[in-house]
């Protein structure tokens, strides 16, 4: 039996590692095994910034992967948390009735949705700002070199 509340929180906290996919679909879920790849690449981008500074162009591409993956997992947590009980139980608990308590929304579920909305939005906006800032700084530097 799959709990909607547990799935919401697991998607928020363990989503970038694919833990929610393994909980809902089992260890054979190929998407669950692919989820850690952009997370690891983003963490590698952060380590490149620490080693080489903000001028490292490869980190400009890698760091947003982590941010977008976390934001996508937060969006997925919101979708899970707001899914109607009947739809949740029909999709993830088909052997039980559509009114089974595992698919019901509680205050903990709503708390998971609220936290996912708050943190996911902040991380998505931060990733976009980082990407655009680095891109425009690179364009200004390239224009400065051309004009000299």
N, C-alpha and C. Protein backbone atom coordinates (compact mmCIF):
# COMPACT_ATOMS: atom_id res chain seq x y z
N UNK A 1 0.84 -1.16 0.00
CA UNK A 1 0.00 0.00 0.00
C UNK A 1 0.89 1.24 0.00
N UNK A 2 0.64 2.15 -0.93
CA UNK A 2 1.46 3.34 -1.10
C UNK A 2 0.76 4.56 -0.50
N UNK A 3 1.42 5.20 0.44
CA UNK A 3 0.87 6.37 1.12
C UNK A 3 1.16 7.63 0.32
N UNK A 4 0.12 8.45 0.15
CA UNK A 4 0.30 9.71 -0.58
C UNK A 4 1.17 10.68 0.21
N UNK A 5 1.01 10.73 1.51
CA UNK A 5 1.81 11.63 2.34
C UNK A 5 3.29 11.25 2.30
N UNK A 6 3.57 9.97 2.48
CA UNK A 6 4.96 9.51 2.41
C UNK A 6 5.56 9.76 1.04
N UNK A 7 4.78 9.54 0.00
CA UNK A 7 5.27 9.77 -1.36
C UNK A 7 5.58 11.24 -1.61
N UNK A 8 4.74 12.12 -1.07
CA UNK A 8 4.97 13.55 -1.25
C UNK A 8 6.28 13.97 -0.60
N UNK A 9 6.49 13.56 0.64
CA UNK A 9 7.72 13.94 1.34
C UNK A 9 8.94 13.23 0.76
N UNK A 10 8.78 11.98 0.35
CA UNK A 10 9.90 11.25 -0.23
C UNK A 10 10.29 11.84 -1.58
N UNK A 11 9.31 12.34 -2.33
CA UNK A 11 9.60 12.98 -3.60
C UNK A 11 10.35 14.28 -3.38
N UNK A 12 9.98 15.01 -2.34
CA UNK A 12 10.66 16.27 -2.07
C UNK A 12 12.09 16.04 -1.59
N UNK A 13 12.26 15.19 -0.59
CA UNK A 13 13.59 15.00 0.00
C UNK A 13 14.48 14.04 -0.80
N UNK A 14 13.93 12.95 -1.29
CA UNK A 14 14.74 11.94 -1.97
C UNK A 14 14.54 11.88 -3.46
N UNK A 15 13.76 12.82 -4.00
CA UNK A 15 13.46 12.82 -5.42
C UNK A 15 14.67 12.89 -6.33
N UNK A 16 15.63 13.78 -6.05
CA UNK A 16 16.80 13.85 -6.93
C UNK A 16 17.63 12.56 -6.96
N UNK A 17 17.40 11.68 -6.02
CA UNK A 17 18.07 10.37 -6.03
C UNK A 17 17.16 9.27 -6.56
N UNK A 18 15.92 9.59 -6.88
CA UNK A 18 14.98 8.62 -7.43
C UNK A 18 14.28 7.77 -6.38
N UNK A 19 14.37 8.13 -5.12
CA UNK A 19 13.80 7.29 -4.06
C UNK A 19 12.28 7.17 -4.17
N UNK A 20 11.61 8.24 -4.58
CA UNK A 20 10.16 8.18 -4.73
C UNK A 20 9.75 7.23 -5.86
N UNK A 21 10.55 7.18 -6.90
CA UNK A 21 10.25 6.26 -8.01
C UNK A 21 10.38 4.81 -7.55
N UNK A 22 11.39 4.52 -6.74
CA UNK A 22 11.57 3.16 -6.24
C UNK A 22 10.45 2.80 -5.27
N UNK A 23 9.99 3.75 -4.47
CA UNK A 23 8.89 3.50 -3.55
C UNK A 23 7.60 3.20 -4.31
N UNK A 24 7.32 3.98 -5.34
CA UNK A 24 6.05 3.83 -6.06
C UNK A 24 6.06 2.76 -7.13
N UNK A 25 7.21 2.54 -7.79
CA UNK A 25 7.24 1.65 -8.95
C UNK A 25 8.16 0.44 -8.77
N UNK A 26 8.91 0.39 -7.69
CA UNK A 26 9.82 -0.73 -7.45
C UNK A 26 11.22 -0.46 -7.97
N UNK A 27 12.12 -1.36 -7.66
CA UNK A 27 13.53 -1.19 -8.03
C UNK A 27 13.78 -1.36 -9.53
N UNK A 28 12.84 -1.86 -10.26
CA UNK A 28 13.01 -2.04 -11.70
C UNK A 28 12.68 -0.81 -12.52
N UNK A 29 12.38 0.30 -11.88
CA UNK A 29 12.01 1.51 -12.59
C UNK A 29 13.26 2.17 -13.17
N UNK A 30 13.36 2.23 -14.49
CA UNK A 30 14.56 2.76 -15.13
C UNK A 30 14.69 4.27 -14.92
N UNK A 31 13.58 4.98 -14.81
CA UNK A 31 13.66 6.42 -14.57
C UNK A 31 14.21 6.71 -13.18
N UNK A 32 13.88 5.85 -12.22
CA UNK A 32 14.43 6.00 -10.88
C UNK A 32 15.95 5.85 -10.87
N UNK A 33 16.45 4.99 -11.72
CA UNK A 33 17.90 4.80 -11.80
C UNK A 33 18.58 5.93 -12.55
N UNK A 34 17.86 6.65 -13.41
CA UNK A 34 18.44 7.78 -14.15
C UNK A 34 18.40 9.09 -13.37
N UNK A 35 17.54 9.19 -12.38
CA UNK A 35 17.39 10.45 -11.64
C UNK A 35 18.69 10.92 -10.97
N UNK A 36 19.53 10.04 -10.42
CA UNK A 36 20.75 10.53 -9.79
C UNK A 36 21.79 11.10 -10.76
N UNK A 37 21.65 10.84 -12.06
CA UNK A 37 22.66 11.31 -13.01
C UNK A 37 22.73 12.84 -13.07
N UNK A 38 21.62 13.56 -13.32
CA UNK A 38 21.74 15.03 -13.31
C UNK A 38 22.08 15.59 -11.93
N UNK A 39 21.67 14.88 -10.88
CA UNK A 39 22.04 15.32 -9.53
C UNK A 39 23.55 15.24 -9.35
N UNK A 40 24.13 14.14 -9.75
CA UNK A 40 25.59 13.98 -9.62
C UNK A 40 26.33 14.97 -10.51
N UNK A 41 25.83 15.20 -11.72
CA UNK A 41 26.48 16.17 -12.60
C UNK A 41 26.42 17.58 -12.01
N UNK A 42 25.29 17.94 -11.41
CA UNK A 42 25.17 19.24 -10.78
C UNK A 42 26.09 19.40 -9.59
N UNK A 43 26.22 18.35 -8.79
CA UNK A 43 27.15 18.39 -7.66
C UNK A 43 28.59 18.48 -8.15
N UNK A 44 28.89 17.81 -9.27
CA UNK A 44 30.22 17.94 -9.87
C UNK A 44 30.46 19.38 -10.33
N UNK A 45 29.43 20.02 -10.87
CA UNK A 45 29.55 21.43 -11.27
C UNK A 45 29.84 22.33 -10.08
N UNK A 46 29.22 22.06 -8.95
CA UNK A 46 29.49 22.84 -7.74
C UNK A 46 30.93 22.64 -7.29
N UNK A 47 31.41 21.41 -7.37
CA UNK A 47 32.81 21.16 -6.98
C UNK A 47 33.78 21.83 -7.95
N UNK A 48 33.39 21.93 -9.24
CA UNK A 48 34.24 22.64 -10.20
C UNK A 48 34.30 24.13 -9.90
N UNK A 49 33.19 24.70 -9.46
CA UNK A 49 33.19 26.12 -9.08
C UNK A 49 34.10 26.33 -7.89
N UNK A 50 34.06 25.42 -6.93
CA UNK A 50 34.92 25.56 -5.76
C UNK A 50 36.39 25.41 -6.13
N UNK A 51 36.68 24.56 -7.12
CA UNK A 51 38.07 24.33 -7.51
C UNK A 51 38.59 25.39 -8.48
N UNK A 52 37.77 25.80 -9.45
CA UNK A 52 38.24 26.67 -10.52
C UNK A 52 37.64 28.08 -10.51
N UNK A 53 36.67 28.33 -9.65
CA UNK A 53 36.05 29.64 -9.60
C UNK A 53 34.85 29.74 -10.52
N UNK A 54 34.21 30.90 -10.49
CA UNK A 54 32.99 31.10 -11.26
C UNK A 54 33.22 31.26 -12.76
N UNK A 55 34.46 31.38 -13.19
CA UNK A 55 34.73 31.53 -14.61
C UNK A 55 34.78 30.19 -15.34
N UNK A 56 34.60 29.11 -14.65
CA UNK A 56 34.60 27.79 -15.28
C UNK A 56 33.31 27.59 -16.07
N UNK A 57 33.43 27.54 -17.40
CA UNK A 57 32.26 27.48 -18.25
C UNK A 57 31.51 26.16 -18.12
N UNK A 58 32.21 25.05 -17.85
CA UNK A 58 31.53 23.78 -17.72
C UNK A 58 30.58 23.78 -16.52
N UNK A 59 30.97 24.46 -15.46
CA UNK A 59 30.09 24.52 -14.28
C UNK A 59 28.82 25.30 -14.58
N UNK A 60 28.87 26.22 -15.54
CA UNK A 60 27.68 26.97 -15.91
C UNK A 60 26.60 26.05 -16.46
N UNK A 61 27.03 24.98 -17.11
CA UNK A 61 26.08 24.02 -17.68
C UNK A 61 25.67 22.95 -16.68
N UNK A 62 26.56 22.62 -15.76
CA UNK A 62 26.30 21.51 -14.84
C UNK A 62 25.45 21.90 -13.63
N UNK A 63 25.70 23.06 -13.06
CA UNK A 63 24.98 23.46 -11.84
C UNK A 63 23.47 23.57 -12.07
N UNK A 64 23.00 24.15 -13.17
CA UNK A 64 21.55 24.20 -13.37
C UNK A 64 20.89 22.82 -13.49
N UNK A 65 21.64 21.81 -13.89
CA UNK A 65 21.05 20.47 -13.94
C UNK A 65 20.57 20.03 -12.56
N UNK A 66 21.34 20.32 -11.55
CA UNK A 66 20.94 19.99 -10.19
C UNK A 66 19.71 20.80 -9.79
N UNK A 67 19.73 22.08 -10.06
CA UNK A 67 18.60 22.92 -9.70
C UNK A 67 17.32 22.54 -10.40
N UNK A 68 17.40 22.26 -11.70
CA UNK A 68 16.21 21.88 -12.44
C UNK A 68 15.70 20.51 -12.00
N UNK A 69 16.60 19.60 -11.63
CA UNK A 69 16.18 18.29 -11.15
C UNK A 69 15.46 18.41 -9.81
N UNK A 70 15.99 19.22 -8.92
CA UNK A 70 15.33 19.43 -7.63
C UNK A 70 13.98 20.12 -7.83
N UNK A 71 13.92 21.11 -8.71
CA UNK A 71 12.66 21.80 -8.97
C UNK A 71 11.62 20.86 -9.60
N UNK A 72 12.06 19.98 -10.49
CA UNK A 72 11.14 19.01 -11.09
C UNK A 72 10.61 18.04 -10.05
N UNK A 73 11.46 17.63 -9.13
CA UNK A 73 11.00 16.74 -8.06
C UNK A 73 10.04 17.46 -7.13
N UNK A 74 10.27 18.74 -6.87
CA UNK A 74 9.34 19.51 -6.04
C UNK A 74 7.98 19.63 -6.74
N UNK A 75 7.99 19.85 -8.05
CA UNK A 75 6.74 19.90 -8.81
C UNK A 75 6.03 18.55 -8.76
N UNK A 76 6.78 17.48 -8.87
CA UNK A 76 6.20 16.14 -8.79
C UNK A 76 5.60 15.89 -7.41
N UNK A 77 6.24 16.38 -6.35
CA UNK A 77 5.70 16.25 -5.00
C UNK A 77 4.38 17.01 -4.88
N UNK A 78 4.30 18.16 -5.51
CA UNK A 78 3.05 18.93 -5.50
C UNK A 78 1.95 18.16 -6.22
N UNK A 79 2.28 17.58 -7.36
CA UNK A 79 1.29 16.80 -8.11
C UNK A 79 0.81 15.61 -7.29
N UNK A 80 1.74 14.90 -6.66
CA UNK A 80 1.34 13.77 -5.82
C UNK A 80 0.47 14.21 -4.66
N UNK A 81 0.86 15.29 -4.00
CA UNK A 81 0.12 15.75 -2.84
C UNK A 81 -1.27 16.24 -3.14
N UNK A 82 -1.47 16.80 -4.32
CA UNK A 82 -2.78 17.34 -4.69
C UNK A 82 -3.63 16.37 -5.49
N UNK A 83 -3.13 15.18 -5.75
CA UNK A 83 -3.89 14.18 -6.51
C UNK A 83 -5.10 13.72 -5.68
N UNK A 84 -6.29 13.67 -6.29
CA UNK A 84 -7.47 13.20 -5.54
C UNK A 84 -7.29 11.76 -5.04
N UNK A 85 -7.95 11.47 -3.95
CA UNK A 85 -7.83 10.16 -3.31
C UNK A 85 -8.19 9.03 -4.27
N UNK A 86 -9.26 9.19 -5.00
CA UNK A 86 -9.71 8.14 -5.91
C UNK A 86 -8.66 7.87 -7.00
N UNK A 87 -8.12 8.95 -7.53
CA UNK A 87 -7.11 8.79 -8.58
C UNK A 87 -5.82 8.18 -8.02
N UNK A 88 -5.42 8.60 -6.81
CA UNK A 88 -4.21 8.05 -6.19
C UNK A 88 -4.35 6.54 -5.98
N UNK A 89 -5.46 6.15 -5.36
CA UNK A 89 -5.66 4.73 -5.07
C UNK A 89 -5.84 3.90 -6.35
N UNK A 90 -6.49 4.47 -7.36
CA UNK A 90 -6.63 3.74 -8.62
C UNK A 90 -5.28 3.55 -9.30
N UNK A 91 -4.39 4.51 -9.15
CA UNK A 91 -3.09 4.42 -9.83
C UNK A 91 -2.05 3.64 -9.03
N UNK A 92 -1.95 3.89 -7.73
CA UNK A 92 -0.87 3.30 -6.94
C UNK A 92 -1.33 2.21 -5.97
N UNK A 93 -2.61 2.13 -5.70
CA UNK A 93 -3.15 1.07 -4.84
C UNK A 93 -4.36 0.42 -5.50
N UNK A 94 -4.18 -0.18 -6.67
CA UNK A 94 -5.34 -0.70 -7.40
C UNK A 94 -6.02 -1.88 -6.69
N UNK A 95 -5.32 -2.57 -5.81
CA UNK A 95 -5.91 -3.72 -5.13
C UNK A 95 -6.82 -3.32 -3.98
N UNK A 96 -6.83 -2.04 -3.60
CA UNK A 96 -7.67 -1.56 -2.50
C UNK A 96 -8.80 -0.70 -3.06
N UNK A 97 -9.74 -0.35 -2.21
CA UNK A 97 -10.86 0.48 -2.65
C UNK A 97 -10.38 1.90 -2.95
N UNK A 98 -11.19 2.61 -3.72
CA UNK A 98 -10.79 3.97 -4.11
C UNK A 98 -10.83 4.95 -2.94
N UNK A 99 -11.47 4.57 -1.85
CA UNK A 99 -11.55 5.43 -0.67
C UNK A 99 -10.59 4.99 0.44
N UNK A 100 -9.62 4.17 0.11
CA UNK A 100 -8.69 3.66 1.12
C UNK A 100 -7.92 4.82 1.76
N UNK A 101 -7.65 4.76 3.07
CA UNK A 101 -6.98 5.88 3.76
C UNK A 101 -5.56 6.18 3.27
N UNK A 102 -4.91 5.27 2.59
CA UNK A 102 -3.54 5.52 2.12
C UNK A 102 -3.48 6.65 1.10
N UNK A 103 -4.55 6.88 0.38
CA UNK A 103 -4.57 7.93 -0.63
C UNK A 103 -5.18 9.23 -0.18
N UNK A 104 -5.57 9.30 1.09
CA UNK A 104 -6.22 10.52 1.58
C UNK A 104 -5.20 11.61 1.88
N UNK A 105 -5.66 12.83 1.74
CA UNK A 105 -4.82 13.99 1.99
C UNK A 105 -4.94 14.39 3.46
N UNK A 106 -3.78 14.54 4.11
CA UNK A 106 -3.77 14.98 5.50
C UNK A 106 -3.03 16.32 5.58
N UNK A 107 -2.93 16.85 6.79
CA UNK A 107 -2.19 18.10 6.96
C UNK A 107 -0.71 17.92 6.68
N UNK A 108 -0.19 16.73 6.92
CA UNK A 108 1.21 16.47 6.58
C UNK A 108 1.43 16.49 5.07
N UNK A 109 0.44 16.02 4.33
CA UNK A 109 0.52 16.07 2.87
C UNK A 109 0.52 17.51 2.39
N UNK A 110 -0.38 18.31 2.94
CA UNK A 110 -0.45 19.72 2.56
C UNK A 110 0.84 20.44 2.96
N UNK A 111 1.42 20.08 4.11
CA UNK A 111 2.71 20.65 4.51
C UNK A 111 3.80 20.31 3.52
N UNK A 112 3.80 19.08 3.02
CA UNK A 112 4.77 18.68 2.00
C UNK A 112 4.59 19.45 0.71
N UNK A 113 3.33 19.69 0.33
CA UNK A 113 3.05 20.47 -0.87
C UNK A 113 3.53 21.91 -0.69
N UNK A 114 3.27 22.49 0.47
CA UNK A 114 3.68 23.88 0.72
C UNK A 114 5.19 24.03 0.73
N UNK A 115 5.88 23.11 1.39
CA UNK A 115 7.35 23.16 1.43
C UNK A 115 7.92 22.95 0.03
N UNK A 116 7.34 22.03 -0.72
CA UNK A 116 7.81 21.78 -2.08
C UNK A 116 7.62 23.01 -2.96
N UNK A 117 6.49 23.66 -2.80
CA UNK A 117 6.24 24.88 -3.58
C UNK A 117 7.23 25.98 -3.22
N UNK A 118 7.47 26.16 -1.95
CA UNK A 118 8.38 27.22 -1.49
C UNK A 118 9.82 26.96 -1.93
N UNK A 119 10.34 25.80 -1.59
CA UNK A 119 11.74 25.48 -1.88
C UNK A 119 11.95 25.24 -3.37
N UNK A 120 11.02 24.54 -4.00
CA UNK A 120 11.16 24.26 -5.44
C UNK A 120 11.19 25.52 -6.28
N UNK A 121 10.33 26.47 -5.94
CA UNK A 121 10.31 27.75 -6.67
C UNK A 121 11.60 28.52 -6.46
N UNK A 122 12.08 28.54 -5.23
CA UNK A 122 13.33 29.26 -4.93
C UNK A 122 14.50 28.64 -5.69
N UNK A 123 14.56 27.33 -5.73
CA UNK A 123 15.67 26.66 -6.42
C UNK A 123 15.56 26.84 -7.93
N UNK A 124 14.35 26.77 -8.47
CA UNK A 124 14.17 26.98 -9.90
C UNK A 124 14.58 28.39 -10.30
N UNK A 125 14.15 29.39 -9.54
CA UNK A 125 14.51 30.76 -9.86
C UNK A 125 16.01 31.00 -9.70
N UNK A 126 16.60 30.39 -8.68
CA UNK A 126 18.05 30.54 -8.49
C UNK A 126 18.82 29.91 -9.64
N UNK A 127 18.37 28.78 -10.12
CA UNK A 127 19.04 28.13 -11.25
C UNK A 127 18.93 28.97 -12.52
N UNK A 128 17.76 29.54 -12.75
CA UNK A 128 17.59 30.41 -13.91
C UNK A 128 18.45 31.65 -13.81
N UNK A 129 18.47 32.27 -12.65
CA UNK A 129 19.28 33.48 -12.45
C UNK A 129 20.76 33.18 -12.65
N UNK A 130 21.23 32.08 -12.07
CA UNK A 130 22.64 31.71 -12.22
C UNK A 130 22.98 31.51 -13.70
N UNK A 131 22.13 30.78 -14.41
CA UNK A 131 22.38 30.50 -15.82
C UNK A 131 22.42 31.78 -16.65
N UNK A 132 21.40 32.62 -16.48
CA UNK A 132 21.34 33.84 -17.27
C UNK A 132 22.45 34.81 -16.91
N UNK A 133 22.77 34.92 -15.64
CA UNK A 133 23.83 35.84 -15.23
C UNK A 133 25.16 35.41 -15.84
N UNK A 134 25.50 34.14 -15.75
CA UNK A 134 26.77 33.67 -16.30
C UNK A 134 26.79 33.86 -17.81
N UNK A 135 25.67 33.59 -18.48
CA UNK A 135 25.60 33.73 -19.93
C UNK A 135 25.81 35.18 -20.35
N UNK A 136 25.12 36.10 -19.71
CA UNK A 136 25.24 37.51 -20.09
C UNK A 136 26.61 38.08 -19.73
N UNK A 137 27.19 37.65 -18.63
CA UNK A 137 28.55 38.09 -18.32
C UNK A 137 29.53 37.59 -19.37
N UNK A 138 29.34 36.38 -19.85
CA UNK A 138 30.18 35.83 -20.90
C UNK A 138 30.00 36.62 -22.20
N UNK A 139 28.77 36.99 -22.53
CA UNK A 139 28.52 37.76 -23.74
C UNK A 139 29.13 39.15 -23.65
N UNK A 140 29.05 39.78 -22.50
CA UNK A 140 29.67 41.10 -22.33
C UNK A 140 31.18 41.02 -22.47
N UNK A 141 31.77 40.00 -21.88
CA UNK A 141 33.23 39.82 -21.99
C UNK A 141 33.64 39.55 -23.43
N UNK A 142 32.86 38.75 -24.15
CA UNK A 142 33.17 38.47 -25.55
C UNK A 142 33.03 39.74 -26.39
N UNK A 143 32.02 40.56 -26.13
CA UNK A 143 31.84 41.81 -26.87
C UNK A 143 32.98 42.78 -26.55
N UNK A 144 33.42 42.77 -25.33
CA UNK A 144 34.54 43.65 -24.93
C UNK A 144 35.82 43.25 -25.67
N UNK A 145 36.04 41.94 -25.81
CA UNK A 145 37.24 41.48 -26.54
C UNK A 145 37.16 41.82 -28.01
N UNK A 146 35.96 41.75 -28.60
CA UNK A 146 35.79 42.07 -30.02
C UNK A 146 36.02 43.56 -30.26
N UNK A 147 35.55 44.40 -29.36
CA UNK A 147 35.64 45.84 -29.56
C UNK A 147 37.05 46.39 -29.38
N UNK A 148 37.95 45.61 -28.81
CA UNK A 148 39.32 46.11 -28.61
C UNK A 148 40.20 45.88 -29.78
